[in-house]
Amino acid sequence: MTRSTHGRSVLILAAPTFDDPTADRVAAELALRGVPVIRMDAAQFPTRIAMTATISSGDRWRGRLTATDDGHDLVDLAGVGAVYYRHPEQFVLDERMSAPERVFAFREARRGFGGVVQALAGARWVNDPVAAARCEYKPVQLAEAARVGLEIPDTLITSDPQAAYDWAKALGRPVVYKPLGGIWHGDEGRVRVLYTTAVRDLETLRDPAICRTAHLFQEQVPKAFEARAVVVGHRVFAMRIQAGSERAAMDWRSDYDALTYDDLHLPADTAAKLVELHRRLGLVCGAADLVCRPDGRYVLLETNQAGEWGWITAETGAPIAAAVADELTRIPT
């Protein structure tokens, strides 16, 4: 963790440095500007970080985060001017507690530590955790995207096998399956990766196992190429992603070695609608994934409020870290 208590600081809530190069770039940009930065992971509370915070009538939360090993001050809560909310990990709790005690302690840590940090007076969030949590729901994203006029794929969410089959049959176009909760999934001590998958035989949609949970099916949008567009405030930084393998053409995250990149200038109307989408979602930043159809129309697949963009900077030199730092240090009007 980085220690600083001077001036209005930026608190970065993220995984350790070796796990989050995107947060590293923002921290480095802020340091170049002379902005005090405190970086920590929520998982460090309460074993490595202790919190003491008070509030009274007519006042705001005041207090400190300190290191549990030596009592050294890490953060003056009243001095935090902005919070960069990246990928903080879950709290690591004392293993000597029973399972019910751990459940209780986790809930109290989330509502105590998390609640005080979210209530810091005047702090600017990138992104606000409540908005970030709402954005994790793909149905919410798609509904807002449709409202702002972005083109989206025809989509079905169902737990009914017959409804899935009937929808795909009536659609009359290729269909893909996508997990609703992201590609990484725990499976009895292992981590499985579930990429976008083509539904090659519609009869598989009659599988009774579909009844066990919700499933997302979409039309398979024809692709000239794909794009990642990083929205930061009113600015949009886009990159063309060209797939060089069949796997990458289905889901470019499955074969990074087969990808090539180019800087991309989105149509002004598309860029403006992406900015409006993120405004409506309550996000300062987001990484949107789009498909450019062979006819040149752009289709939004999804946006990720904590999406990665470090590799975009590496490939194109886009000043995204500077734009995020601008937002974190912007004085409210």
C-alpha atoms as a PDB file:
ATOM      1  CA  MET A   1       0.000   0.000   0.000  1.00  0.00           C
ATOM      2  CA  THR A   2       1.147   3.554  -0.735  1.00  0.00           C
ATOM      3  CA  ARG A   3       1.210   5.887   2.273  1.00  0.00           C
ATOM      4  CA  SER A   4       0.295   9.558   1.958  1.00  0.00           C
ATOM      5  CA  THR A   5      -1.683  11.991   4.096  1.00  0.00           C
ATOM      6  CA  HIS A   6      -0.780  15.310   2.478  1.00  0.00           C
ATOM      7  CA  GLY A   7      -3.414  17.472   0.737  1.00  0.00           C
ATOM      8  CA  ARG A   8      -6.530  16.237  -1.041  1.00  0.00           C
ATOM      9  CA  SER A   9      -5.600  12.699  -1.966  1.00  0.00           C
ATOM     10  CA  VAL A  10      -6.872  10.179  -4.471  1.00  0.00           C
ATOM     11  CA  LEU A  11      -7.723   6.829  -2.932  1.00  0.00           C
ATOM     12  CA  ILE A  12      -7.321   3.927  -5.365  1.00  0.00           C
ATOM     13  CA  LEU A  13      -9.229   0.808  -4.357  1.00  0.00           C
ATOM     14  CA  ALA A  14      -7.708  -1.945  -6.463  1.00  0.00           C
ATOM     15  CA  ALA A  15      -5.995  -5.304  -6.383  1.00  0.00           C
ATOM     16  CA  PRO A  16      -2.221  -5.375  -5.778  1.00  0.00           C
ATOM     17  CA  THR A  17      -0.054  -3.656  -8.384  1.00  0.00           C
ATOM     18  CA  PHE A  18       0.969  -6.867 -10.134  1.00  0.00           C
ATOM     19  CA  ASP A  19      -2.721  -7.684 -10.745  1.00  0.00           C
ATOM     20  CA  ASP A  20      -4.007  -4.383 -12.139  1.00  0.00           C
ATOM     21  CA  PRO A  21      -1.783  -2.556 -14.648  1.00  0.00           C
ATOM     22  CA  THR A  22      -4.691  -0.262 -15.555  1.00  0.00           C
ATOM     23  CA  ALA A  23      -4.739   1.119 -12.006  1.00  0.00           C
ATOM     24  CA  ASP A  24      -0.922   1.329 -12.174  1.00  0.00           C
ATOM     25  CA  ARG A  25      -1.119   3.692 -15.154  1.00  0.00           C
ATOM     26  CA  VAL A  26      -3.579   5.992 -13.413  1.00  0.00           C
ATOM     27  CA  ALA A  27      -1.507   6.022 -10.216  1.00  0.00           C
ATOM     28  CA  ALA A  28       1.603   6.898 -12.218  1.00  0.00           C
ATOM     29  CA  GLU A  29      -0.188   9.716 -14.051  1.00  0.00           C
ATOM     30  CA  LEU A  30      -1.439  11.189 -10.765  1.00  0.00           C
ATOM     31  CA  ALA A  31       2.055  10.943  -9.259  1.00  0.00           C
ATOM     32  CA  LEU A  32       3.503  12.853 -12.216  1.00  0.00           C
ATOM     33  CA  ARG A  33       1.023  15.632 -11.438  1.00  0.00           C
ATOM     34  CA  GLY A  34       2.077  15.720  -7.806  1.00  0.00           C
ATOM     35  CA  VAL A  35      -1.287  14.420  -6.586  1.00  0.00           C
ATOM     36  CA  PRO A  36      -1.034  12.397  -3.354  1.00  0.00           C
ATOM     37  CA  VAL A  37      -2.141   8.818  -4.026  1.00  0.00           C
ATOM     38  CA  ILE A  38      -3.132   6.143  -1.537  1.00  0.00           C
ATOM     39  CA  ARG A  39      -3.567   2.715  -3.063  1.00  0.00           C
ATOM     40  CA  MET A  40      -5.032  -0.171  -1.143  1.00  0.00           C
ATOM     41  CA  ASP A  41      -7.177  -3.251  -1.513  1.00  0.00           C
ATOM     42  CA  ALA A  42     -10.349  -3.731   0.512  1.00  0.00           C
ATOM     43  CA  ALA A  43      -9.067  -7.238   1.233  1.00  0.00           C
ATOM     44  CA  GLN A  44      -6.503  -5.620   3.550  1.00  0.00           C
ATOM     45  CA  PHE A  45      -9.303  -4.676   5.981  1.00  0.00           C
ATOM     46  CA  PRO A  46      -9.388  -5.613   8.818  1.00  0.00           C
ATOM     47  CA  THR A  47      -6.216  -7.743   9.006  1.00  0.00           C
ATOM     48  CA  ARG A  48      -3.716  -5.175   7.687  1.00  0.00           C
ATOM     49  CA  ILE A  49      -5.772  -1.980   7.822  1.00  0.00           C
ATOM     50  CA  ALA A  50      -7.741  -0.647  10.787  1.00  0.00           C
ATOM     51  CA  MET A  51     -10.424   2.025  10.507  1.00  0.00           C
ATOM     52  CA  THR A  52     -11.651   4.557  13.043  1.00  0.00           C
ATOM     53  CA  ALA A  53     -14.354   7.003  11.912  1.00  0.00           C
ATOM     54  CA  THR A  54     -16.721   9.341  13.752  1.00  0.00           C
ATOM     55  CA  ILE A  55     -19.625  11.598  12.841  1.00  0.00           C
ATOM     56  CA  SER A  56     -21.909  13.903  14.819  1.00  0.00           C
ATOM     57  CA  SER A  57     -24.770  16.302  14.148  1.00  0.00           C
ATOM     58  CA  GLY A  58     -23.969  18.903  11.512  1.00  0.00           C
ATOM     59  CA  ASP A  59     -20.625  17.293  10.672  1.00  0.00           C
ATOM     60  CA  ARG A  60     -19.193  14.723   8.263  1.00  0.00           C
ATOM     61  CA  TRP A  61     -17.280  11.494   8.665  1.00  0.00           C
ATOM     62  CA  ARG A  62     -13.804  12.048  10.072  1.00  0.00           C
ATOM     63  CA  GLY A  63     -11.135   9.567  10.997  1.00  0.00           C
ATOM     64  CA  ARG A  64      -8.249   7.535   9.722  1.00  0.00           C
ATOM     65  CA  LEU A  65      -7.185   4.285   8.188  1.00  0.00           C
ATOM     66  CA  THR A  66      -4.062   2.967   9.897  1.00  0.00           C
ATOM     67  CA  ALA A  67      -1.687   0.046   9.414  1.00  0.00           C
ATOM     68  CA  THR A  68      -2.370  -2.703  11.933  1.00  0.00           C
ATOM     69  CA  ASP A  69       1.292  -3.724  12.178  1.00  0.00           C
ATOM     70  CA  ASP A  70       2.706  -0.399  13.381  1.00  0.00           C
ATOM     71  CA  GLY A  71      -0.254   1.989  13.771  1.00  0.00           C
ATOM     72  CA  HIS A  72       1.092   4.213  10.968  1.00  0.00           C
ATOM     73  CA  ASP A  73      -1.488   6.585   9.460  1.00  0.00           C
ATOM     74  CA  LEU A  74      -2.382   5.637   5.896  1.00  0.00           C
ATOM     75  CA  VAL A  75      -5.387   7.794   5.075  1.00  0.00           C
ATOM     76  CA  ASP A  76      -6.943  10.903   6.589  1.00  0.00           C
ATOM     77  CA  LEU A  77     -10.553  10.311   5.573  1.00  0.00           C
ATOM     78  CA  ALA A  78     -11.334  14.032   5.522  1.00  0.00           C
ATOM     79  CA  GLY A  79      -8.466  14.569   3.073  1.00  0.00           C
ATOM     80  CA  VAL A  80      -9.722  12.194   0.368  1.00  0.00           C
ATOM     81  CA  GLY A  81     -10.834  14.190  -2.652  1.00  0.00           C
ATOM     82  CA  ALA A  82     -11.537  11.319  -5.066  1.00  0.00           C
ATOM     83  CA  VAL A  83     -11.793   7.542  -5.146  1.00  0.00           C
ATOM     84  CA  TYR A  84     -10.790   5.385  -8.127  1.00  0.00           C
ATOM     85  CA  TYR A  85     -12.852   2.226  -7.688  1.00  0.00           C
ATOM     86  CA  ARG A  86     -11.230  -0.520  -9.724  1.00  0.00           C
ATOM     87  CA  HIS A  87     -11.216  -4.179  -8.701  1.00  0.00           C
ATOM     88  CA  PRO A  88     -10.948  -4.297  -4.910  1.00  0.00           C
ATOM     89  CA  GLU A  89     -10.944  -7.876  -3.692  1.00  0.00           C
ATOM     90  CA  GLN A  90     -13.139  -9.363  -0.986  1.00  0.00           C
ATOM     91  CA  PHE A  91     -12.328  -8.910   2.694  1.00  0.00           C
ATOM     92  CA  VAL A  92      -9.927 -11.495   4.147  1.00  0.00           C
ATOM     93  CA  LEU A  93     -11.258 -12.466   7.557  1.00  0.00           C
ATOM     94  CA  ASP A  94      -9.789 -14.260  10.552  1.00  0.00           C
ATOM     95  CA  GLU A  95      -9.842 -17.994   9.811  1.00  0.00           C
ATOM     96  CA  ARG A  96     -10.356 -18.787  13.480  1.00  0.00           C
ATOM     97  CA  MET A  97     -13.969 -17.634  13.232  1.00  0.00           C
ATOM     98  CA  SER A  98     -16.768 -20.100  12.635  1.00  0.00           C
ATOM     99  CA  ALA A  99     -18.639 -20.045   9.323  1.00  0.00           C
ATOM    100  CA  PRO A 100     -21.607 -18.074  10.757  1.00  0.00           C
ATOM    101  CA  GLU A 101     -19.197 -15.649  12.423  1.00  0.00           C
ATOM    102  CA  ARG A 102     -17.418 -15.106   9.098  1.00  0.00           C
ATOM    103  CA  VAL A 103     -20.712 -14.406   7.326  1.00  0.00           C
ATOM    104  CA  PHE A 104     -21.627 -11.867   9.996  1.00  0.00           C
ATOM    105  CA  ALA A 105     -18.145 -10.273   9.977  1.00  0.00           C
ATOM    106  CA  PHE A 106     -18.134  -9.991   6.190  1.00  0.00           C
ATOM    107  CA  ARG A 107     -21.494  -8.224   6.196  1.00  0.00           C
ATOM    108  CA  GLU A 108     -20.395  -5.838   8.927  1.00  0.00           C
ATOM    109  CA  ALA A 109     -17.096  -5.083   7.156  1.00  0.00           C
ATOM    110  CA  ARG A 110     -18.892  -4.323   3.889  1.00  0.00           C
ATOM    111  CA  ARG A 111     -21.427  -2.038   5.530  1.00  0.00           C
ATOM    112  CA  GLY A 112     -18.956  -0.429   7.934  1.00  0.00           C
ATOM    113  CA  PHE A 113     -15.742   0.007   5.968  1.00  0.00           C
ATOM    114  CA  GLY A 114     -17.518   0.256   2.613  1.00  0.00           C
ATOM    115  CA  GLY A 115     -20.221   2.529   3.985  1.00  0.00           C
ATOM    116  CA  VAL A 116     -17.808   5.038   5.508  1.00  0.00           C
ATOM    117  CA  VAL A 117     -15.703   5.216   2.345  1.00  0.00           C
ATOM    118  CA  GLN A 118     -18.788   5.716   0.166  1.00  0.00           C
ATOM    119  CA  ALA A 119     -20.001   8.494   2.492  1.00  0.00           C
ATOM    120  CA  LEU A 120     -16.813  10.592   2.304  1.00  0.00           C
ATOM    121  CA  ALA A 121     -17.936  14.194   1.892  1.00  0.00           C
ATOM    122  CA  GLY A 122     -17.135  15.775  -1.448  1.00  0.00           C
ATOM    123  CA  ALA A 123     -15.219  12.777  -2.794  1.00  0.00           C
ATOM    124  CA  ARG A 124     -15.517  12.194  -6.536  1.00  0.00           C
ATOM    125  CA  TRP A 125     -15.967   8.541  -7.483  1.00  0.00           C
ATOM    126  CA  VAL A 126     -14.719   6.903 -10.647  1.00  0.00           C
ATOM    127  CA  ASN A 127     -16.952   4.938 -10.681  1.00  0.00           C
ATOM    128  CA  ASP A 128     -19.595   5.201  -7.975  1.00  0.00           C
ATOM    129  CA  PRO A 129     -19.946   1.676  -6.516  1.00  0.00           C
ATOM    130  CA  VAL A 130     -23.746   1.747  -6.592  1.00  0.00           C
ATOM    131  CA  ALA A 131     -23.784   2.709 -10.276  1.00  0.00           C
ATOM    132  CA  ALA A 132     -21.007   0.182 -10.929  1.00  0.00           C
ATOM    133  CA  ALA A 133     -23.026  -2.596  -9.311  1.00  0.00           C
ATOM    134  CA  ARG A 134     -26.133  -1.688 -11.327  1.00  0.00           C
ATOM    135  CA  CYS A 135     -24.100  -1.704 -14.525  1.00  0.00           C
ATOM    136  CA  GLU A 136     -23.084  -5.327 -13.896  1.00  0.00           C
ATOM    137  CA  TYR A 137     -26.597  -6.323 -14.990  1.00  0.00           C
ATOM    138  CA  LYS A 138     -26.545  -6.770 -18.764  1.00  0.00           C
ATOM    139  CA  PRO A 139     -30.337  -6.334 -19.089  1.00  0.00           C
ATOM    140  CA  VAL A 140     -29.952  -2.848 -17.575  1.00  0.00           C
ATOM    141  CA  GLN A 141     -27.184  -1.937 -20.020  1.00  0.00           C
ATOM    142  CA  LEU A 142     -29.119  -3.162 -23.047  1.00  0.00           C
ATOM    143  CA  ALA A 143     -32.290  -1.319 -22.024  1.00  0.00           C
ATOM    144  CA  GLU A 144     -30.416   1.976 -21.578  1.00  0.00           C
ATOM    145  CA  ALA A 145     -28.511   1.466 -24.831  1.00  0.00           C
ATOM    146  CA  ALA A 146     -31.773   0.981 -26.710  1.00  0.00           C
ATOM    147  CA  ARG A 147     -33.198   4.138 -25.118  1.00  0.00           C
ATOM    148  CA  VAL A 148     -30.290   6.302 -26.283  1.00  0.00           C
ATOM    149  CA  GLY A 149     -30.604   4.963 -29.834  1.00  0.00           C
ATOM    150  CA  LEU A 150     -27.658   2.571 -29.988  1.00  0.00           C
ATOM    151  CA  GLU A 151     -28.195  -0.533 -32.066  1.00  0.00           C
ATOM    152  CA  ILE A 152     -28.071  -3.735 -29.991  1.00  0.00           C
ATOM    153  CA  PRO A 153     -28.394  -7.434 -30.905  1.00  0.00           C
ATOM    154  CA  ASP A 154     -31.780  -9.126 -30.708  1.00  0.00           C
ATOM    155  CA  THR A 155     -31.612 -10.736 -27.272  1.00  0.00           C
ATOM    156  CA  LEU A 156     -33.467 -13.352 -25.249  1.00  0.00           C
ATOM    157  CA  ILE A 157     -33.063 -14.120 -21.550  1.00  0.00           C
ATOM    158  CA  THR A 158     -34.966 -17.221 -20.489  1.00  0.00           C
ATOM    159  CA  SER A 159     -35.060 -20.322 -18.319  1.00  0.00           C
ATOM    160  CA  ASP A 160     -37.555 -22.028 -20.629  1.00  0.00           C
ATOM    161  CA  PRO A 161     -36.026 -24.453 -23.183  1.00  0.00           C
ATOM    162  CA  GLN A 162     -39.038 -24.344 -25.489  1.00  0.00           C
ATOM    163  CA  ALA A 163     -39.069 -20.535 -25.427  1.00  0.00           C
ATOM    164  CA  ALA A 164     -35.361 -20.531 -26.328  1.00  0.00           C
ATOM    165  CA  TYR A 165     -35.948 -22.881 -29.256  1.00  0.00           C
ATOM    166  CA  ASP A 166     -39.012 -20.995 -30.504  1.00  0.00           C
ATOM    167  CA  TRP A 167     -37.229 -17.616 -30.299  1.00  0.00           C
ATOM    168  CA  ALA A 168     -34.152 -18.838 -32.165  1.00  0.00           C
ATOM    169  CA  LYS A 169     -36.276 -20.577 -34.798  1.00  0.00           C
ATOM    170  CA  ALA A 170     -38.349 -17.445 -35.406  1.00  0.00           C
ATOM    171  CA  LEU A 171     -35.226 -15.259 -35.505  1.00  0.00           C
ATOM    172  CA  GLY A 172     -33.918 -17.182 -38.497  1.00  0.00           C
ATOM    173  CA  ARG A 173     -30.338 -16.011 -38.005  1.00  0.00           C
ATOM    174  CA  PRO A 174     -27.286 -17.491 -36.266  1.00  0.00           C
ATOM    175  CA  VAL A 175     -27.488 -17.420 -32.459  1.00  0.00           C
ATOM    176  CA  VAL A 176     -24.846 -17.311 -29.715  1.00  0.00           C
ATOM    177  CA  TYR A 177     -24.904 -18.014 -25.994  1.00  0.00           C
ATOM    178  CA  LYS A 178     -23.226 -15.622 -23.539  1.00  0.00           C
ATOM    179  CA  PRO A 179     -22.860 -15.910 -19.753  1.00  0.00           C
ATOM    180  CA  LEU A 180     -24.653 -13.126 -17.907  1.00  0.00           C
ATOM    181  CA  GLY A 181     -22.017 -12.811 -15.198  1.00  0.00           C
ATOM    182  CA  GLY A 182     -18.778 -12.491 -17.152  1.00  0.00           C
ATOM    183  CA  ILE A 183     -16.409 -15.129 -18.492  1.00  0.00           C
ATOM    184  CA  TRP A 184     -14.691 -16.213 -15.234  1.00  0.00           C
ATOM    185  CA  HIS A 185     -16.479 -18.810 -13.108  1.00  0.00           C
ATOM    186  CA  GLY A 186     -15.493 -20.904 -10.094  1.00  0.00           C
ATOM    187  CA  ASP A 187     -16.025 -24.657 -10.403  1.00  0.00           C
ATOM    188  CA  GLU A 188     -15.166 -26.778  -7.341  1.00  0.00           C
ATOM    189  CA  GLY A 189     -11.827 -25.150  -6.663  1.00  0.00           C
ATOM    190  CA  ARG A 190     -11.010 -24.496 -10.323  1.00  0.00           C
ATOM    191  CA  VAL A 191     -11.589 -21.483 -12.537  1.00  0.00           C
ATOM    192  CA  ARG A 192     -13.444 -22.025 -15.790  1.00  0.00           C
ATOM    193  CA  VAL A 193     -13.628 -19.544 -18.647  1.00  0.00           C
ATOM    194  CA  LEU A 194     -16.883 -19.348 -20.584  1.00  0.00           C
ATOM    195  CA  TYR A 195     -16.522 -17.448 -23.843  1.00  0.00           C
ATOM    196  CA  THR A 196     -19.255 -16.536 -26.300  1.00  0.00           C
ATOM    197  CA  THR A 197     -20.390 -19.780 -27.947  1.00  0.00           C
ATOM    198  CA  ALA A 198     -22.220 -20.362 -31.206  1.00  0.00           C
ATOM    199  CA  VAL A 199     -25.463 -22.356 -31.027  1.00  0.00           C
ATOM    200  CA  ARG A 200     -24.856 -24.632 -34.010  1.00  0.00           C
ATOM    201  CA  ASP A 201     -27.819 -26.942 -33.489  1.00  0.00           C
ATOM    202  CA  LEU A 202     -31.074 -25.336 -32.368  1.00  0.00           C
ATOM    203  CA  GLU A 203     -32.229 -28.660 -30.941  1.00  0.00           C
ATOM    204  CA  THR A 204     -29.716 -28.188 -28.109  1.00  0.00           C
ATOM    205  CA  LEU A 205     -31.887 -25.312 -26.915  1.00  0.00           C
ATOM    206  CA  ARG A 206     -34.506 -27.892 -25.888  1.00  0.00           C
ATOM    207  CA  ASP A 207     -32.116 -29.235 -23.245  1.00  0.00           C
ATOM    208  CA  PRO A 208     -34.048 -29.469 -19.932  1.00  0.00           C
ATOM    209  CA  ALA A 209     -30.918 -28.185 -18.123  1.00  0.00           C
ATOM    210  CA  ILE A 210     -31.812 -24.717 -19.374  1.00  0.00           C
ATOM    211  CA  CYS A 211     -34.571 -24.751 -16.749  1.00  0.00           C
ATOM    212  CA  ARG A 212     -31.961 -24.606 -13.982  1.00  0.00           C
ATOM    213  CA  THR A 213     -31.109 -20.909 -14.340  1.00  0.00           C
ATOM    214  CA  ALA A 214     -31.344 -17.853 -16.603  1.00  0.00           C
ATOM    215  CA  HIS A 215     -29.568 -17.947 -19.975  1.00  0.00           C
ATOM    216  CA  LEU A 216     -28.763 -15.142 -22.424  1.00  0.00           C
ATOM    217  CA  PHE A 217     -29.019 -15.792 -26.166  1.00  0.00           C
ATOM    218  CA  GLN A 218     -28.361 -13.214 -28.869  1.00  0.00           C
ATOM    219  CA  GLU A 219     -28.302 -13.015 -32.597  1.00  0.00           C
ATOM    220  CA  GLN A 220     -24.789 -13.473 -33.957  1.00  0.00           C
ATOM    221  CA  VAL A 221     -24.067 -10.072 -35.462  1.00  0.00           C
ATOM    222  CA  PRO A 222     -22.113 -10.190 -38.763  1.00  0.00           C
ATOM    223  CA  LYS A 223     -18.666  -8.662 -38.232  1.00  0.00           C
ATOM    224  CA  ALA A 224     -16.382  -6.561 -40.380  1.00  0.00           C
ATOM    225  CA  PHE A 225     -14.348  -6.040 -37.209  1.00  0.00           C
ATOM    226  CA  GLU A 226     -14.842  -5.370 -33.506  1.00  0.00           C
ATOM    227  CA  ALA A 227     -13.990  -2.337 -31.419  1.00  0.00           C
ATOM    228  CA  ARG A 228     -13.370  -1.388 -27.824  1.00  0.00           C
ATOM    229  CA  ALA A 229     -14.348   2.184 -26.998  1.00  0.00           C
ATOM    230  CA  VAL A 230     -13.250   3.593 -23.648  1.00  0.00           C
ATOM    231  CA  VAL A 231     -15.524   6.377 -22.446  1.00  0.00           C
ATOM    232  CA  VAL A 232     -14.047   8.826 -19.936  1.00  0.00           C
ATOM    233  CA  GLY A 233     -16.416  11.672 -19.158  1.00  0.00           C
ATOM    234  CA  HIS A 234     -17.201  13.252 -22.528  1.00  0.00           C
ATOM    235  CA  ARG A 235     -14.201  11.712 -24.295  1.00  0.00           C
ATOM    236  CA  VAL A 236     -14.167   8.459 -26.267  1.00  0.00           C
ATOM    237  CA  PHE A 237     -10.994   6.517 -27.130  1.00  0.00           C
ATOM    238  CA  ALA A 238     -11.635   3.713 -29.610  1.00  0.00           C
ATOM    239  CA  MET A 239      -9.550   0.934 -31.090  1.00  0.00           C
ATOM    240  CA  ARG A 240     -10.291  -1.429 -33.966  1.00  0.00           C
ATOM    241  CA  ILE A 241      -9.791  -5.115 -33.130  1.00  0.00           C
ATOM    242  CA  GLN A 242      -9.237  -7.427 -36.094  1.00  0.00           C
ATOM    243  CA  ALA A 243      -9.480 -11.167 -35.468  1.00  0.00           C
ATOM    244  CA  GLY A 244      -7.024 -13.484 -37.204  1.00  0.00           C
ATOM    245  CA  SER A 245      -8.464 -16.823 -36.114  1.00  0.00           C
ATOM    246  CA  GLU A 246     -11.839 -18.536 -35.950  1.00  0.00           C
ATOM    247  CA  ARG A 247     -11.762 -18.515 -32.149  1.00  0.00           C
ATOM    248  CA  ALA A 248     -10.980 -14.809 -32.001  1.00  0.00           C
ATOM    249  CA  ALA A 249     -13.714 -14.072 -34.552  1.00  0.00           C
ATOM    250  CA  MET A 250     -16.259 -15.615 -32.187  1.00  0.00           C
ATOM    251  CA  ASP A 251     -14.851 -13.991 -29.008  1.00  0.00           C
ATOM    252  CA  TRP A 252     -11.610 -12.011 -29.306  1.00  0.00           C
ATOM    253  CA  ARG A 253     -10.808 -12.588 -25.616  1.00  0.00           C
ATOM    254  CA  SER A 254     -10.226 -16.275 -26.395  1.00  0.00           C
ATOM    255  CA  ASP A 255      -7.167 -15.745 -28.638  1.00  0.00           C
ATOM    256  CA  TYR A 256      -5.221 -12.540 -27.991  1.00  0.00           C
ATOM    257  CA  ASP A 257      -2.276 -13.763 -30.085  1.00  0.00           C
ATOM    258  CA  ALA A 258      -4.472 -13.690 -33.195  1.00  0.00           C
ATOM    259  CA  LEU A 259      -5.493 -10.042 -32.815  1.00  0.00           C
ATOM    260  CA  THR A 260      -4.253  -6.911 -34.554  1.00  0.00           C
ATOM    261  CA  TYR A 261      -5.144  -3.368 -33.498  1.00  0.00           C
ATOM    262  CA  ASP A 262      -5.572   0.057 -35.070  1.00  0.00           C
ATOM    263  CA  ASP A 263      -6.662   3.443 -33.817  1.00  0.00           C
ATOM    264  CA  LEU A 264     -10.314   4.034 -34.675  1.00  0.00           C
ATOM    265  CA  HIS A 265     -12.438   7.145 -35.089  1.00  0.00           C
ATOM    266  CA  LEU A 266     -16.048   6.267 -34.369  1.00  0.00           C
ATOM    267  CA  PRO A 267     -18.845   8.154 -36.126  1.00  0.00           C
ATOM    268  CA  ALA A 268     -19.669  11.255 -34.093  1.00  0.00           C
ATOM    269  CA  ASP A 269     -23.254  10.069 -33.546  1.00  0.00           C
ATOM    270  CA  THR A 270     -22.122   6.705 -32.167  1.00  0.00           C
ATOM    271  CA  ALA A 271     -19.562   8.339 -29.857  1.00  0.00           C
ATOM    272  CA  ALA A 272     -22.169  10.798 -28.556  1.00  0.00           C
ATOM    273  CA  LYS A 273     -24.614   7.988 -27.816  1.00  0.00           C
ATOM    274  CA  LEU A 274     -21.913   6.061 -25.927  1.00  0.00           C
ATOM    275  CA  VAL A 275     -21.247   9.121 -23.775  1.00  0.00           C
ATOM    276  CA  GLU A 276     -24.975   9.490 -23.109  1.00  0.00           C
ATOM    277  CA  LEU A 277     -25.288   5.783 -22.276  1.00  0.00           C
ATOM    278  CA  HIS A 278     -22.590   6.034 -19.623  1.00  0.00           C
ATOM    279  CA  ARG A 279     -24.119   9.230 -18.249  1.00  0.00           C
ATOM    280  CA  ARG A 280     -27.456   7.486 -17.834  1.00  0.00           C
ATOM    281  CA  LEU A 281     -25.764   4.514 -16.191  1.00  0.00           C
ATOM    282  CA  GLY A 282     -24.094   6.905 -13.755  1.00  0.00           C
ATOM    283  CA  LEU A 283     -20.593   6.002 -14.930  1.00  0.00           C
ATOM    284  CA  VAL A 284     -17.647   8.343 -15.391  1.00  0.00           C
ATOM    285  CA  CYS A 285     -15.664   5.589 -17.167  1.00  0.00           C
ATOM    286  CA  GLY A 286     -16.554   2.468 -19.087  1.00  0.00           C
ATOM    287  CA  ALA A 287     -15.105   0.171 -21.739  1.00  0.00           C
ATOM    288  CA  ALA A 288     -17.695  -0.575 -24.400  1.00  0.00           C
ATOM    289  CA  ASP A 289     -17.461  -3.477 -26.846  1.00  0.00           C
ATOM    290  CA  LEU A 290     -18.960  -2.997 -30.292  1.00  0.00           C
ATOM    291  CA  VAL A 291     -19.245  -4.828 -33.593  1.00  0.00           C
ATOM    292  CA  CYS A 292     -18.904  -2.995 -36.888  1.00  0.00           C
ATOM    293  CA  ARG A 293     -21.146  -4.756 -39.373  1.00  0.00           C
ATOM    294  CA  PRO A 294     -20.062  -5.187 -43.015  1.00  0.00           C
ATOM    295  CA  ASP A 295     -22.441  -2.344 -43.919  1.00  0.00           C
ATOM    296  CA  GLY A 296     -20.604  -0.009 -41.494  1.00  0.00           C
ATOM    297  CA  ARG A 297     -23.267   0.094 -38.759  1.00  0.00           C
ATOM    298  CA  TYR A 298     -22.046  -0.229 -35.175  1.00  0.00           C
ATOM    299  CA  VAL A 299     -23.782  -2.581 -32.724  1.00  0.00           C
ATOM    300  CA  LEU A 300     -23.168  -2.338 -28.979  1.00  0.00           C
ATOM    301  CA  LEU A 301     -22.578  -5.672 -27.247  1.00  0.00           C
ATOM    302  CA  GLU A 302     -21.954  -4.435 -23.694  1.00  0.00           C
ATOM    303  CA  THR A 303     -19.989  -2.035 -21.533  1.00  0.00           C
ATOM    304  CA  ASN A 304     -17.780  -2.860 -18.562  1.00  0.00           C
ATOM    305  CA  GLN A 305     -17.512  -0.201 -15.868  1.00  0.00           C
ATOM    306  CA  ALA A 306     -14.080  -1.542 -14.828  1.00  0.00           C
ATOM    307  CA  GLY A 307     -12.977  -2.736 -18.260  1.00  0.00           C
ATOM    308  CA  GLU A 308      -9.304  -2.996 -19.142  1.00  0.00           C
ATOM    309  CA  TRP A 309      -7.702  -0.430 -21.423  1.00  0.00           C
ATOM    310  CA  GLY A 310      -3.996  -0.641 -20.609  1.00  0.00           C
ATOM    311  CA  TRP A 311      -3.321  -2.617 -23.766  1.00  0.00           C
ATOM    312  CA  ILE A 312      -5.124   0.034 -25.838  1.00  0.00           C
ATOM    313  CA  THR A 313      -2.693   2.613 -24.511  1.00  0.00           C
ATOM    314  CA  ALA A 314       0.211   0.294 -25.263  1.00  0.00           C
ATOM    315  CA  GLU A 315      -0.962  -0.299 -28.838  1.00  0.00           C
ATOM    316  CA  THR A 316      -2.192   3.167 -29.809  1.00  0.00           C
ATOM    317  CA  GLY A 317      -0.748   5.624 -27.290  1.00  0.00           C
ATOM    318  CA  ALA A 318      -4.234   6.874 -26.404  1.00  0.00           C
ATOM    319  CA  PRO A 319      -3.996   9.200 -23.357  1.00  0.00           C
ATOM    320  CA  ILE A 320      -6.630   7.334 -21.352  1.00  0.00           C
ATOM    321  CA  ALA A 321      -4.724   7.445 -18.056  1.00  0.00           C
ATOM    322  CA  ALA A 322      -4.467  11.217 -18.376  1.00  0.00           C
ATOM    323  CA  ALA A 323      -8.199  11.470 -19.057  1.00  0.00           C
ATOM    324  CA  VAL A 324      -9.019   9.374 -15.969  1.00  0.00           C
ATOM    325  CA  ALA A 325      -6.630  11.493 -13.886  1.00  0.00           C
ATOM    326  CA  ASP A 326      -8.412  14.599 -15.217  1.00  0.00           C
ATOM    327  CA  GLU A 327     -11.716  13.229 -13.916  1.00  0.00           C
ATOM    328  CA  LEU A 328     -10.259  12.278 -10.531  1.00  0.00           C
ATOM    329  CA  THR A 329      -8.813  15.740 -10.008  1.00  0.00           C
ATOM    330  CA  ARG A 330     -11.632  17.751 -11.561  1.00  0.00           C
ATOM    331  CA  ILE A 331     -13.058  20.416  -9.271  1.00  0.00           C
ATOM    332  CA  PRO A 332     -16.880  20.103  -9.122  1.00  0.00           C
ATOM    333  CA  THR A 333     -18.732  23.043 -10.652  1.00  0.00           C
END
